[in-house]
PDB file of N, CA and C in Angstrom:
ATOM      1  N   MET A   1     134.501  69.786 170.217  1.00  0.00           N
ATOM      2  CA  MET A   1     133.343  70.462 169.342  1.00  0.00           C
ATOM      3  C   MET A   1     133.503  71.588 168.617  1.00  0.00           C
ATOM      4  N   PRO A   2     133.471  71.838 167.287  1.00  0.00           N
ATOM      5  CA  PRO A   2     133.483  72.931 166.852  1.00  0.00           C
ATOM      6  C   PRO A   2     132.761  74.094 167.555  1.00  0.00           C
ATOM      7  N   LEU A   3     133.612  75.268 167.584  1.00  0.00           N
ATOM      8  CA  LEU A   3     133.020  76.569 168.392  1.00  0.00           C
ATOM      9  C   LEU A   3     131.715  76.711 167.937  1.00  0.00           C
ATOM     10  N   LYS A   4     131.470  76.797 166.805  1.00  0.00           N
ATOM     11  CA  LYS A   4     130.295  76.967 165.822  1.00  0.00           C
ATOM     12  C   LYS A   4     129.178  76.358 166.255  1.00  0.00           C
ATOM     13  N   ALA A   5     129.337  75.314 166.908  1.00  0.00           N
ATOM     14  CA  ALA A   5     128.146  74.106 167.493  1.00  0.00           C
ATOM     15  C   ALA A   5     128.163  74.345 168.611  1.00  0.00           C
ATOM     16  N   ASP A   6     129.111  74.917 169.615  1.00  0.00           N
ATOM     17  CA  ASP A   6     128.704  75.549 170.908  1.00  0.00           C
ATOM     18  C   ASP A   6     127.826  75.976 171.427  1.00  0.00           C
ATOM     19  N   PRO A   7     126.864  75.705 172.074  1.00  0.00           N
ATOM     20  CA  PRO A   7     125.578  76.521 172.633  1.00  0.00           C
ATOM     21  C   PRO A   7     126.118  77.630 173.631  1.00  0.00           C
ATOM     22  N   ASN A   8     127.298  77.584 174.023  1.00  0.00           N
ATOM     23  CA  ASN A   8     127.895  78.902 174.654  1.00  0.00           C
ATOM     24  C   ASN A   8     128.807  79.459 173.884  1.00  0.00           C
ATOM     25  N   PHE A   9     128.918  79.381 172.411  1.00  0.00           N
ATOM     26  CA  PHE A   9     129.910  79.931 171.914  1.00  0.00           C
ATOM     27  C   PHE A   9     131.469  80.207 171.950  1.00  0.00           C
ATOM     28  N   GLY A  10     131.816  79.131 173.295  1.00  0.00           N
ATOM     29  CA  GLY A  10     133.273  78.832 173.581  1.00  0.00           C
ATOM     30  C   GLY A  10     133.284  78.465 175.031  1.00  0.00           C
ATOM     31  N   GLY A  11     134.376  78.065 175.723  1.00  0.00           N
ATOM     32  CA  GLY A  11     134.598  78.016 177.050  1.00  0.00           C
ATOM     33  C   GLY A  11     134.990  79.616 177.649  1.00  0.00           C
ATOM     34  N   THR A  12     134.935  79.516 178.861  1.00  0.00           N
ATOM     35  CA  THR A  12     135.452  80.892 179.326  1.00  0.00           C
ATOM     36  C   THR A  12     136.628  81.227 180.026  1.00  0.00           C
ATOM     37  N   HIS A  13     137.383  82.099 180.028  1.00  0.00           N
ATOM     38  CA  HIS A  13     138.536  82.504 180.739  1.00  0.00           C
ATOM     39  C   HIS A  13     138.174  82.904 181.901  1.00  0.00           C
ATOM     40  N   GLN A  14     139.239  83.016 183.066  1.00  0.00           N
ATOM     41  CA  GLN A  14     139.363  83.304 184.204  1.00  0.00           C
ATOM     42  C   GLN A  14     138.314  84.784 184.335  1.00  0.00           C
ATOM     43  N   ASP A  15     138.643  85.529 183.617  1.00  0.00           N
ATOM     44  CA  ASP A  15     137.787  86.913 183.735  1.00  0.00           C
ATOM     45  C   ASP A  15     136.434  86.722 182.981  1.00  0.00           C
ATOM     46  N   GLY A  16     135.864  85.686 182.687  1.00  0.00           N
ATOM     47  CA  GLY A  16     134.635  85.530 182.337  1.00  0.00           C
ATOM     48  C   GLY A  16     134.576  85.728 180.644  1.00  0.00           C
ATOM     49  N   SER A  17     135.605  86.269 180.031  1.00  0.00           N
ATOM     50  CA  SER A  17     135.520  86.460 178.554  1.00  0.00           C
ATOM     51  C   SER A  17     135.603  84.872 177.738  1.00  0.00           C
ATOM     52  N   ILE A  18     134.986  85.013 176.622  1.00  0.00           N
ATOM     53  CA  ILE A  18     134.525  83.579 175.849  1.00  0.00           C
ATOM     54  C   ILE A  18     136.323  83.513 175.077  1.00  0.00           C
ATOM     55  N   SER A  19     136.569  82.408 175.078  1.00  0.00           N
ATOM     56  CA  SER A  19     137.648  81.406 174.480  1.00  0.00           C
ATOM     57  C   SER A  19     137.524  81.445 173.313  1.00  0.00           C
ATOM     58  N   SER A  20     138.104  81.591 172.549  1.00  0.00           N
ATOM     59  CA  SER A  20     138.131  81.290 170.889  1.00  0.00           C
ATOM     60  C   SER A  20     138.621  80.104 170.632  1.00  0.00           C
ATOM     61  N   ARG A  21     139.385  79.381 171.151  1.00  0.00           N
ATOM     62  CA  ARG A  21     140.056  78.129 171.039  1.00  0.00           C
ATOM     63  C   ARG A  21     139.265  76.902 171.819  1.00  0.00           C
ATOM     64  N   TYR A  22     138.635  76.946 172.809  1.00  0.00           N
ATOM     65  CA  TYR A  22     138.174  75.947 173.468  1.00  0.00           C
ATOM     66  C   TYR A  22     136.969  75.826 173.719  1.00  0.00           C
ATOM     67  N   CYS A  23     136.049  74.993 173.600  1.00  0.00           N
ATOM     68  CA  CYS A  23     134.638  74.710 173.884  1.00  0.00           C
ATOM     69  C   CYS A  23     134.106  74.727 175.337  1.00  0.00           C
ATOM     70  N   SER A  24     132.980  75.112 175.484  1.00  0.00           N
ATOM     71  CA  SER A  24     132.154  75.346 177.128  1.00  0.00           C
ATOM     72  C   SER A  24     132.253  74.099 177.592  1.00  0.00           C
ATOM     73  N   TYR A  25     132.165  72.935 176.779  1.00  0.00           N
ATOM     74  CA  TYR A  25     132.465  71.910 177.204  1.00  0.00           C
ATOM     75  C   TYR A  25     133.745  71.009 178.267  1.00  0.00           C
ATOM     76  N   CYS A  26     134.807  71.864 177.513  1.00  0.00           N
ATOM     77  CA  CYS A  26     136.078  71.350 177.930  1.00  0.00           C
ATOM     78  C   CYS A  26     136.957  72.559 178.782  1.00  0.00           C
ATOM     79  N   TYR A  27     136.569  73.832 178.492  1.00  0.00           N
ATOM     80  CA  TYR A  27     137.028  74.881 179.257  1.00  0.00           C
ATOM     81  C   TYR A  27     136.325  75.864 179.920  1.00  0.00           C
ATOM     82  N   ARG A  28     136.362  76.025 181.189  1.00  0.00           N
ATOM     83  CA  ARG A  28     135.560  76.934 182.210  1.00  0.00           C
ATOM     84  C   ARG A  28     136.467  77.576 182.957  1.00  0.00           C
ATOM     85  N   ASP A  29     136.435  78.999 183.226  1.00  0.00           N
ATOM     86  CA  ASP A  29     136.802  79.662 184.307  1.00  0.00           C
ATOM     87  C   ASP A  29     138.881  79.619 183.913  1.00  0.00           C
ATOM     88  N   GLY A  30     138.890  79.401 182.810  1.00  0.00           N
ATOM     89  CA  GLY A  30     140.245  79.371 182.382  1.00  0.00           C
ATOM     90  C   GLY A  30     141.291  78.075 182.881  1.00  0.00           C
ATOM     91  N   ARG A  31     140.306  77.283 182.945  1.00  0.00           N
ATOM     92  CA  ARG A  31     140.898  76.080 183.194  1.00  0.00           C
ATOM     93  C   ARG A  31     140.194  74.811 182.310  1.00  0.00           C
ATOM     94  N   PHE A  32     140.941  73.807 182.253  1.00  0.00           N
ATOM     95  CA  PHE A  32     140.269  72.392 181.319  1.00  0.00           C
ATOM     96  C   PHE A  32     139.310  72.167 182.193  1.00  0.00           C
ATOM     97  N   VAL A  33     138.154  71.498 182.293  1.00  0.00           N
ATOM     98  CA  VAL A  33     137.051  70.894 183.065  1.00  0.00           C
ATOM     99  C   VAL A  33     137.989  69.415 183.413  1.00  0.00           C
ATOM    100  N   ASN A  34     138.546  68.665 182.462  1.00  0.00           N
ATOM    101  CA  ASN A  34     139.153  67.520 182.913  1.00  0.00           C
ATOM    102  C   ASN A  34     140.260  67.405 182.626  1.00  0.00           C
ATOM    103  N   PRO A  35     141.455  68.061 183.358  1.00  0.00           N
ATOM    104  CA  PRO A  35     142.836  68.186 183.034  1.00  0.00           C
ATOM    105  C   PRO A  35     143.530  67.136 182.710  1.00  0.00           C
ATOM    106  N   GLU A  36     143.077  65.777 183.291  1.00  0.00           N
ATOM    107  CA  GLU A  36     144.003  64.752 183.277  1.00  0.00           C
ATOM    108  C   GLU A  36     143.383  63.885 182.225  1.00  0.00           C
ATOM    109  N   MET A  37     142.423  64.304 181.370  1.00  0.00           N
ATOM    110  CA  MET A  37     142.220  63.750 180.152  1.00  0.00           C
ATOM    111  C   MET A  37     143.286  63.638 179.157  1.00  0.00           C
ATOM    112  N   THR A  38     143.570  62.651 178.472  1.00  0.00           N
ATOM    113  CA  THR A  38     144.276  62.356 177.626  1.00  0.00           C
ATOM    114  C   THR A  38     143.882  62.328 176.174  1.00  0.00           C
ATOM    115  N   ILE A  39     144.549  62.403 174.788  1.00  0.00           N
ATOM    116  CA  ILE A  39     143.796  62.720 173.643  1.00  0.00           C
ATOM    117  C   ILE A  39     143.037  61.320 173.436  1.00  0.00           C
ATOM    118  N   ASP A  40     143.487  60.256 173.811  1.00  0.00           N
ATOM    119  CA  ASP A  40     143.005  58.808 173.524  1.00  0.00           C
ATOM    120  C   ASP A  40     141.684  58.623 174.460  1.00  0.00           C
ATOM    121  N   ASP A  41     141.670  59.592 175.437  1.00  0.00           N
ATOM    122  CA  ASP A  41     140.340  59.356 176.328  1.00  0.00           C
ATOM    123  C   ASP A  41     139.214  60.571 175.517  1.00  0.00           C
ATOM    124  N   MET A  42     139.937  61.390 175.013  1.00  0.00           N
ATOM    125  CA  MET A  42     138.819  62.187 174.225  1.00  0.00           C
ATOM    126  C   MET A  42     138.277  61.499 173.406  1.00  0.00           C
ATOM    127  N   ARG A  43     139.293  60.662 172.301  1.00  0.00           N
ATOM    128  CA  ARG A  43     139.072  59.905 171.098  1.00  0.00           C
ATOM    129  C   ARG A  43     137.545  59.229 171.417  1.00  0.00           C
ATOM    130  N   GLU A  44     137.977  58.365 172.481  1.00  0.00           N
ATOM    131  CA  GLU A  44     136.684  57.457 172.948  1.00  0.00           C
ATOM    132  C   GLU A  44     135.610  58.051 173.544  1.00  0.00           C
ATOM    133  N   HIS A  45     135.763  59.478 174.021  1.00  0.00           N
ATOM    134  CA  HIS A  45     134.500  60.001 174.518  1.00  0.00           C
ATOM    135  C   HIS A  45     133.898  60.654 173.358  1.00  0.00           C
ATOM    136  N   ILE A  46     134.113  61.185 172.369  1.00  0.00           N
ATOM    137  CA  ILE A  46     133.733  61.563 171.372  1.00  0.00           C
ATOM    138  C   ILE A  46     133.103  60.468 170.338  1.00  0.00           C
ATOM    139  N   ILE A  47     133.599  59.123 170.141  1.00  0.00           N
ATOM    140  CA  ILE A  47     133.311  58.083 169.576  1.00  0.00           C
ATOM    141  C   ILE A  47     132.035  57.448 170.201  1.00  0.00           C
ATOM    142  N   ALA A  48     132.095  57.605 171.545  1.00  0.00           N
ATOM    143  CA  ALA A  48     130.858  57.372 172.513  1.00  0.00           C
ATOM    144  C   ALA A  48     129.560  58.288 172.313  1.00  0.00           C
ATOM    145  N   ARG A  49     129.693  59.469 172.751  1.00  0.00           N
ATOM    146  CA  ARG A  49     128.911  60.233 172.272  1.00  0.00           C
ATOM    147  C   ARG A  49     128.203  60.384 170.991  1.00  0.00           C
ATOM    148  N   LEU A  50     129.113  60.335 169.827  1.00  0.00           N
ATOM    149  CA  LEU A  50     128.626  60.287 168.646  1.00  0.00           C
ATOM    150  C   LEU A  50     127.653  58.795 168.229  1.00  0.00           C
ATOM    151  N   GLY A  51     128.153  57.752 169.033  1.00  0.00           N
ATOM    152  CA  GLY A  51     127.487  56.525 168.700  1.00  0.00           C
ATOM    153  C   GLY A  51     125.966  56.568 169.336  1.00  0.00           C
ATOM    154  N   GLU A  52     126.212  57.360 170.554  1.00  0.00           N
ATOM    155  CA  GLU A  52     124.588  57.624 171.409  1.00  0.00           C
ATOM    156  C   GLU A  52     123.639  58.299 170.407  1.00  0.00           C
ATOM    157  N   ARG A  53     124.278  59.292 169.156  1.00  0.00           N
ATOM    158  CA  ARG A  53     123.300  60.233 168.555  1.00  0.00           C
ATOM    159  C   ARG A  53     123.199  59.238 167.170  1.00  0.00           C
ATOM    160  N   GLY A  54     123.744  57.974 167.102  1.00  0.00           N
ATOM    161  CA  GLY A  54     123.256  57.040 166.146  1.00  0.00           C
ATOM    162  C   GLY A  54     124.087  56.981 165.106  1.00  0.00           C
ATOM    163  N   TYR A  55     125.470  57.478 165.442  1.00  0.00           N
ATOM    164  CA  TYR A  55     126.619  57.479 164.071  1.00  0.00           C
ATOM    165  C   TYR A  55     127.444  56.442 164.430  1.00  0.00           C
ATOM    166  N   PRO A  56     127.359  55.587 163.103  1.00  0.00           N
ATOM    167  CA  PRO A  56     128.208  54.407 163.097  1.00  0.00           C
ATOM    168  C   PRO A  56     129.557  54.856 163.699  1.00  0.00           C
ATOM    169  N   ARG A  57     130.179  53.667 163.893  1.00  0.00           N
ATOM    170  CA  ARG A  57     131.764  53.888 164.982  1.00  0.00           C
ATOM    171  C   ARG A  57     132.576  54.233 163.808  1.00  0.00           C
ATOM    172  N   PHE A  58     132.639  53.751 162.758  1.00  0.00           N
ATOM    173  CA  PHE A  58     133.790  54.204 161.733  1.00  0.00           C
ATOM    174  C   PHE A  58     133.546  55.552 161.376  1.00  0.00           C
ATOM    175  N   VAL A  59     132.280  56.149 161.441  1.00  0.00           N
ATOM    176  CA  VAL A  59     132.079  57.621 160.804  1.00  0.00           C
ATOM    177  C   VAL A  59     132.309  58.540 162.371  1.00  0.00           C
ATOM    178  N   ALA A  60     132.352  57.897 163.655  1.00  0.00           N
ATOM    179  CA  ALA A  60     132.515  58.646 164.431  1.00  0.00           C
ATOM    180  C   ALA A  60     134.283  58.990 164.632  1.00  0.00           C
ATOM    181  N   ARG A  61     134.773  57.505 164.458  1.00  0.00           N
ATOM    182  CA  ARG A  61     136.292  57.686 164.436  1.00  0.00           C
ATOM    183  C   ARG A  61     136.748  58.747 163.251  1.00  0.00           C
ATOM    184  N   PHE A  62     136.236  59.074 162.374  1.00  0.00           N
ATOM    185  CA  PHE A  62     136.555  59.952 161.201  1.00  0.00           C
ATOM    186  C   PHE A  62     136.670  61.345 161.930  1.00  0.00           C
ATOM    187  N   PHE A  63     135.414  61.691 162.939  1.00  0.00           N
ATOM    188  CA  PHE A  63     135.510  62.877 163.445  1.00  0.00           C
ATOM    189  C   PHE A  63     136.691  63.185 164.538  1.00  0.00           C
ATOM    190  N   THR A  64     137.075  62.290 164.988  1.00  0.00           N
ATOM    191  CA  THR A  64     138.447  62.311 165.848  1.00  0.00           C
ATOM    192  C   THR A  64     139.957  62.823 165.159  1.00  0.00           C
ATOM    193  N   LEU A  65     139.853  62.502 163.912  1.00  0.00           N
ATOM    194  CA  LEU A  65     140.825  62.555 162.885  1.00  0.00           C
ATOM    195  C   LEU A  65     141.516  63.809 163.389  1.00  0.00           C
ATOM    196  N   GLY A  66     143.007  64.192 163.488  1.00  0.00           N
ATOM    197  CA  GLY A  66     143.321  65.786 163.604  1.00  0.00           C
ATOM    198  C   GLY A  66     143.015  66.196 164.849  1.00  0.00           C
ATOM    199  N   LEU A  67     142.686  65.682 166.007  1.00  0.00           N
ATOM    200  CA  LEU A  67     142.779  66.070 167.417  1.00  0.00           C
ATOM    201  C   LEU A  67     144.171  66.522 167.958  1.00  0.00           C
ATOM    202  N   GLU A  68     145.104  65.758 167.462  1.00  0.00           N
ATOM    203  CA  GLU A  68     146.673  65.972 167.651  1.00  0.00           C
ATOM    204  C   GLU A  68     146.841  67.100 167.572  1.00  0.00           C
ATOM    205  N   LYS A  69     146.490  68.016 166.427  1.00  0.00           N
ATOM    206  CA  LYS A  69     146.594  69.190 165.904  1.00  0.00           C
ATOM    207  C   LYS A  69     146.146  70.216 166.747  1.00  0.00           C
ATOM    208  N   LEU A  70     145.433  69.942 167.917  1.00  0.00           N
ATOM    209  CA  LEU A  70     144.908  71.226 168.724  1.00  0.00           C
ATOM    210  C   LEU A  70     145.575  71.468 169.645  1.00  0.00           C
ATOM    211  N   ASP A  71     145.600  72.532 170.022  1.00  0.00           N
ATOM    212  CA  ASP A  71     146.566  73.122 170.630  1.00  0.00           C
ATOM    213  C   ASP A  71     146.293  72.700 172.211  1.00  0.00           C
ATOM    214  N   ARG A  72     145.401  71.940 172.467  1.00  0.00           N
ATOM    215  CA  ARG A  72     145.715  71.304 174.145  1.00  0.00           C
ATOM    216  C   ARG A  72     146.553  70.205 173.927  1.00  0.00           C
ATOM    217  N   TRP A  73     146.446  69.510 172.838  1.00  0.00           N
ATOM    218  CA  TRP A  73     147.301  68.078 172.745  1.00  0.00           C
ATOM    219  C   TRP A  73     148.838  68.637 172.065  1.00  0.00           C
ATOM    220  N   ARG A  74     149.262  69.711 171.873  1.00  0.00           N
ATOM    221  CA  ARG A  74     150.514  70.124 171.156  1.00  0.00           C
ATOM    222  C   ARG A  74     151.641  70.168 172.118  1.00  0.00           C
TER     223      ARG A  74
END
């Protein structure tokens, strides 16, 4: 999720400060919420969530391009 769209403006570090890299759905208290999640799992999660909001699957897949460039999966 883009941080500007995050209702909490980002996840939190262990000290409670806001993360400038990870959203609040993925990162809390200095840890990933789902550390076992793979990039393919995330891709399917995004597609499913956008599908629930009425996005066609091909459009939802477009939003997953570039996931491999994010720090979490480098």
